Amino acid sequence: MDMSDIARHARALYDAHGDSAEAEAAKQAQRAKSFGDTATATEWQRIRSAIRELRGASVS
C-alpha cells in the first residue's frame, strides 16, 4: 500500500470513527498480528500513524 492509499484509509477511518479511529487502527493491527499476518499489521500501523498526524493537524 503506497502513502496515498495509507492517507486515504486514514482519512476514511477518522471520518467514520473520529477520535477513536487511532484505537481502531491499533486494534486491527493487533488482530492481524495475532493471525500471523505481519504485512497487514504493518499497514494498519502505518494507517494509525497517519491518523495520529491527522489528529495533530486538526488540533492546531
N, C-alpha and C. Protein backbone atom coordinates (compact mmCIF):
# COMPACT_ATOMS: atom_id res chain seq x y z
N MET A 1 0.86 -1.17 0.00
CA MET A 1 0.00 0.00 0.00
C MET A 1 0.91 1.24 0.00
N ASP A 2 0.67 2.14 -0.94
CA ASP A 2 1.51 3.33 -1.00
C ASP A 2 0.96 4.42 -0.07
N MET A 3 1.71 5.51 0.05
CA MET A 3 1.35 6.56 1.01
C MET A 3 -0.01 7.21 0.71
N SER A 4 -0.36 7.33 -0.56
CA SER A 4 -1.67 7.92 -0.86
C SER A 4 -2.80 6.99 -0.41
N ASP A 5 -2.60 5.68 -0.53
CA ASP A 5 -3.59 4.72 -0.04
C ASP A 5 -3.68 4.77 1.48
N ILE A 6 -2.53 4.86 2.13
CA ILE A 6 -2.49 4.96 3.60
C ILE A 6 -3.27 6.19 4.04
N ALA A 7 -2.98 7.33 3.41
CA ALA A 7 -3.65 8.59 3.76
C ALA A 7 -5.15 8.50 3.52
N ARG A 8 -5.55 7.89 2.43
CA ARG A 8 -6.97 7.74 2.11
C ARG A 8 -7.68 6.86 3.15
N HIS A 9 -7.05 5.75 3.51
CA HIS A 9 -7.63 4.88 4.53
C HIS A 9 -7.69 5.58 5.88
N ALA A 10 -6.64 6.30 6.22
CA ALA A 10 -6.61 7.01 7.49
C ALA A 10 -7.73 8.04 7.56
N ARG A 11 -7.91 8.80 6.50
CA ARG A 11 -8.96 9.82 6.46
C ARG A 11 -10.34 9.19 6.58
N ALA A 12 -10.56 8.09 5.87
CA ALA A 12 -11.86 7.42 5.92
C ALA A 12 -12.14 6.88 7.32
N LEU A 13 -11.13 6.29 7.94
CA LEU A 13 -11.31 5.75 9.29
C LEU A 13 -11.55 6.88 10.29
N TYR A 14 -10.82 7.98 10.13
CA TYR A 14 -11.00 9.13 11.02
C TYR A 14 -12.39 9.75 10.84
N ASP A 15 -12.83 9.85 9.60
CA ASP A 15 -14.16 10.39 9.35
C ASP A 15 -15.26 9.50 9.95
N ALA A 16 -15.03 8.20 9.90
CA ALA A 16 -16.03 7.26 10.41
C ALA A 16 -16.01 7.12 11.93
N HIS A 17 -14.82 7.18 12.53
CA HIS A 17 -14.68 6.88 13.96
C HIS A 17 -14.25 8.06 14.82
N GLY A 18 -13.91 9.18 14.20
CA GLY A 18 -13.50 10.34 14.97
C GLY A 18 -12.26 10.05 15.80
N ASP A 19 -12.29 10.52 17.06
CA ASP A 19 -11.12 10.38 17.92
C ASP A 19 -10.79 8.93 18.29
N SER A 20 -11.70 8.01 18.06
CA SER A 20 -11.41 6.60 18.36
C SER A 20 -10.79 5.87 17.17
N ALA A 21 -10.55 6.59 16.07
CA ALA A 21 -10.00 5.95 14.87
C ALA A 21 -8.61 5.37 15.11
N GLU A 22 -7.79 6.08 15.86
CA GLU A 22 -6.44 5.57 16.13
C GLU A 22 -6.50 4.26 16.91
N ALA A 23 -7.38 4.19 17.90
CA ALA A 23 -7.54 2.95 18.67
C ALA A 23 -8.07 1.82 17.79
N GLU A 24 -8.97 2.15 16.87
CA GLU A 24 -9.50 1.14 15.95
C GLU A 24 -8.39 0.59 15.05
N ALA A 25 -7.54 1.47 14.56
CA ALA A 25 -6.42 1.02 13.72
C ALA A 25 -5.47 0.14 14.53
N ALA A 26 -5.22 0.51 15.77
CA ALA A 26 -4.35 -0.30 16.64
C ALA A 26 -4.95 -1.68 16.87
N LYS A 27 -6.28 -1.71 17.07
CA LYS A 27 -6.97 -2.98 17.27
C LYS A 27 -6.86 -3.87 16.03
N GLN A 28 -7.03 -3.28 14.86
CA GLN A 28 -6.92 -4.04 13.61
C GLN A 28 -5.49 -4.55 13.41
N ALA A 29 -4.51 -3.73 13.76
CA ALA A 29 -3.11 -4.15 13.64
C ALA A 29 -2.84 -5.34 14.56
N GLN A 30 -3.32 -5.27 15.79
CA GLN A 30 -3.12 -6.35 16.74
C GLN A 30 -3.82 -7.62 16.28
N ARG A 31 -5.01 -7.46 15.72
CA ARG A 31 -5.76 -8.62 15.22
C ARG A 31 -4.99 -9.31 14.09
N ALA A 32 -4.50 -8.51 13.15
CA ALA A 32 -3.73 -9.08 12.04
C ALA A 32 -2.49 -9.79 12.55
N LYS A 33 -1.83 -9.15 13.51
CA LYS A 33 -0.62 -9.74 14.08
C LYS A 33 -0.93 -11.06 14.78
N SER A 34 -2.06 -11.13 15.47
CA SER A 34 -2.42 -12.36 16.17
C SER A 34 -2.69 -13.52 15.21
N PHE A 35 -3.05 -13.19 13.97
CA PHE A 35 -3.25 -14.20 12.93
C PHE A 35 -1.96 -14.49 12.17
N GLY A 36 -0.88 -13.82 12.55
CA GLY A 36 0.39 -14.03 11.88
C GLY A 36 0.55 -13.25 10.59
N ASP A 37 -0.33 -12.32 10.34
CA ASP A 37 -0.30 -11.53 9.11
C ASP A 37 0.46 -10.22 9.37
N THR A 38 1.78 -10.33 9.35
CA THR A 38 2.61 -9.17 9.69
C THR A 38 2.53 -8.05 8.65
N ALA A 39 2.32 -8.40 7.40
CA ALA A 39 2.22 -7.37 6.36
C ALA A 39 1.00 -6.49 6.60
N THR A 40 -0.13 -7.10 6.88
CA THR A 40 -1.35 -6.34 7.15
C THR A 40 -1.21 -5.56 8.46
N ALA A 41 -0.59 -6.17 9.46
CA ALA A 41 -0.36 -5.47 10.73
C ALA A 41 0.48 -4.21 10.51
N THR A 42 1.49 -4.32 9.67
CA THR A 42 2.34 -3.17 9.36
C THR A 42 1.54 -2.08 8.66
N GLU A 43 0.68 -2.47 7.73
CA GLU A 43 -0.16 -1.49 7.05
C GLU A 43 -1.08 -0.77 8.03
N TRP A 44 -1.67 -1.51 8.96
CA TRP A 44 -2.53 -0.88 9.96
C TRP A 44 -1.74 0.06 10.86
N GLN A 45 -0.49 -0.30 11.17
CA GLN A 45 0.34 0.60 11.97
C GLN A 45 0.63 1.89 11.21
N ARG A 46 0.85 1.77 9.91
CA ARG A 46 1.07 2.97 9.09
C ARG A 46 -0.19 3.83 9.04
N ILE A 47 -1.35 3.19 8.94
CA ILE A 47 -2.61 3.92 8.96
C ILE A 47 -2.78 4.61 10.31
N ARG A 48 -2.44 3.91 11.38
CA ARG A 48 -2.52 4.50 12.72
C ARG A 48 -1.63 5.75 12.83
N SER A 49 -0.44 5.67 12.31
CA SER A 49 0.46 6.82 12.34
C SER A 49 -0.11 7.99 11.54
N ALA A 50 -0.71 7.68 10.41
CA ALA A 50 -1.32 8.74 9.58
C ALA A 50 -2.50 9.38 10.31
N ILE A 51 -3.26 8.59 11.03
CA ILE A 51 -4.38 9.13 11.81
C ILE A 51 -3.83 10.05 12.90
N ARG A 52 -2.77 9.63 13.54
CA ARG A 52 -2.15 10.45 14.58
C ARG A 52 -1.74 11.81 14.00
N GLU A 53 -1.19 11.80 12.79
CA GLU A 53 -0.82 13.05 12.13
C GLU A 53 -2.06 13.89 11.81
N LEU A 54 -3.13 13.25 11.35
CA LEU A 54 -4.37 13.98 11.08
C LEU A 54 -4.90 14.63 12.36
N ARG A 55 -4.87 13.90 13.43
CA ARG A 55 -5.37 14.43 14.71
C ARG A 55 -4.52 15.61 15.15
N GLY A 56 -3.22 15.50 14.97
CA GLY A 56 -2.33 16.59 15.34
C GLY A 56 -2.58 17.82 14.49
N ALA A 57 -2.83 17.61 13.21
CA ALA A 57 -3.09 18.72 12.29
C ALA A 57 -4.41 19.40 12.61
N SER A 58 -5.38 18.65 13.08
CA SER A 58 -6.68 19.25 13.37
C SER A 58 -6.68 20.00 14.70
N VAL A 59 -5.71 19.70 15.56
CA VAL A 59 -5.64 20.37 16.86
C VAL A 59 -5.15 21.79 16.72
N SER A 60 -4.23 22.04 15.76
CA SER A 60 -3.64 23.37 15.64
C SER A 60 -4.58 24.42 15.15
